[in-house]
Amino acid sequence: MKRIILIAVACILPLAFFAVIWQTVQYHMLVSSIQELEVQQAKLIEILYMQEISKSIVSSRARIDTHTQTFDVYTTIDPSRMIRIVPSVNKKNDG
């Protein structure tokens, strides 16, 4: 009986040692992958921040005004040439 227990312990100890080593290796692999993901996340946050800044710069009113002045297609409208259409409230017209 003691011999069977001794053989079982002799077989279990190397397996337990291997399991601890395997778990340690897996833990360190997970830690390194988490660090890589954190670096990637920081880069993506920085890119998103820069895109938001670029979007706010491009969509600002002053930027649009200076941009439209460089092209001849966009010109200011003379107020005397404007025609205002005001619908009649008193009279209903179906056609």
Protein backbone atom coordinates (compact mmCIF):
# COMPACT_ATOMS: atom_id res chain seq x y z
CA MET A 1 0.00 0.00 0.00
CA LYS A 2 2.81 2.38 0.87
CA ARG A 3 4.49 1.48 -2.37
CA ILE A 4 1.37 2.42 -4.42
CA ILE A 5 1.08 5.73 -2.59
CA LEU A 6 4.78 6.42 -3.15
CA ILE A 7 4.42 5.66 -6.89
CA ALA A 8 1.29 7.87 -7.11
CA VAL A 9 3.09 10.76 -5.38
CA ALA A 10 6.10 10.26 -7.64
CA CYS A 11 3.81 10.56 -10.70
CA ILE A 12 1.68 13.42 -9.36
CA LEU A 13 4.55 15.70 -8.29
CA PRO A 14 6.02 16.15 -11.81
CA LEU A 15 2.51 16.70 -13.21
CA ALA A 16 1.77 19.34 -10.55
CA PHE A 17 5.14 20.99 -11.23
CA PHE A 18 4.38 21.04 -14.97
CA ALA A 19 0.90 22.46 -14.29
CA VAL A 20 2.36 25.30 -12.20
CA ILE A 21 4.92 26.10 -14.89
CA TRP A 22 2.23 25.99 -17.59
CA GLN A 23 0.00 28.34 -15.59
CA THR A 24 2.89 30.76 -15.05
CA VAL A 25 3.71 30.80 -18.75
CA GLN A 26 0.05 31.41 -19.64
CA TYR A 27 -0.15 34.23 -17.06
CA HIS A 28 2.90 35.99 -18.49
CA MET A 29 1.57 35.59 -22.04
CA LEU A 30 -1.73 37.18 -20.98
CA VAL A 31 0.08 40.03 -19.23
CA SER A 32 2.13 40.78 -22.34
CA SER A 33 -0.94 40.65 -24.59
CA ILE A 34 -2.80 43.00 -22.22
CA GLN A 35 0.11 45.43 -22.34
CA GLU A 36 0.08 45.32 -26.15
CA LEU A 37 -3.67 45.95 -26.16
CA GLU A 38 -3.24 48.90 -23.79
CA VAL A 39 -0.62 50.41 -26.10
CA GLN A 40 -2.91 49.88 -29.08
CA GLN A 41 -5.83 51.41 -27.18
CA ALA A 42 -3.73 54.47 -26.30
CA LYS A 43 -2.80 54.89 -29.98
CA LEU A 44 -6.44 54.59 -31.05
CA ILE A 45 -7.54 57.12 -28.43
CA GLU A 46 -4.87 59.52 -29.65
CA ILE A 47 -5.98 59.04 -33.27
CA LEU A 48 -9.62 59.62 -32.29
CA TYR A 49 -8.65 62.75 -30.36
CA MET A 50 -6.70 64.11 -33.33
CA GLN A 51 -9.63 63.35 -35.66
CA GLU A 52 -12.00 65.24 -33.37
CA ILE A 53 -9.64 68.21 -33.34
CA SER A 54 -9.33 68.09 -37.14
CA LYS A 55 -13.10 67.86 -37.50
CA SER A 56 -13.67 70.86 -35.25
CA ILE A 57 -11.04 72.88 -37.11
CA VAL A 58 -12.47 72.00 -40.52
CA SER A 59 -16.07 72.64 -39.49
CA SER A 60 -15.42 75.96 -37.77
CA ARG A 61 -17.24 78.96 -39.20
CA ALA A 62 -14.08 81.03 -39.73
CA ARG A 63 -12.36 78.18 -41.57
CA ILE A 64 -15.36 77.70 -43.86
CA ASP A 65 -15.51 81.45 -44.57
CA THR A 66 -11.83 81.66 -45.49
CA HIS A 67 -12.12 78.50 -47.56
CA THR A 68 -15.11 79.76 -49.54
CA GLN A 69 -13.44 83.09 -50.25
CA THR A 70 -10.63 81.32 -52.08
CA PHE A 71 -13.05 79.93 -54.67
CA ASP A 72 -14.87 82.14 -57.17
CA VAL A 73 -17.91 79.88 -57.23
CA TYR A 74 -18.96 80.92 -53.75
CA THR A 75 -19.82 84.59 -53.68
CA THR A 76 -21.92 86.63 -51.34
CA ILE A 77 -25.44 87.43 -52.47
CA ASP A 78 -26.50 91.04 -52.91
CA PRO A 79 -29.52 91.64 -50.64
CA SER A 80 -31.18 93.82 -53.30
CA ARG A 81 -31.34 90.82 -55.63
CA MET A 82 -33.15 88.63 -53.11
CA ILE A 83 -36.83 87.86 -53.58
CA ARG A 84 -38.80 86.98 -50.50
CA ILE A 85 -41.87 84.78 -50.88
CA VAL A 86 -44.34 85.17 -48.05
CA PRO A 87 -47.32 82.81 -48.03
CA SER A 88 -50.73 84.32 -47.57
CA VAL A 89 -52.37 83.39 -44.32
CA ASN A 90 -55.87 84.69 -45.01
CA LYS A 91 -56.44 83.07 -48.35
CA LYS A 92 -56.21 79.33 -48.96
CA ASN A 93 -55.13 78.34 -52.41
CA ASP A 94 -55.30 74.69 -53.45
CA GLY A 95 -53.57 74.97 -56.69
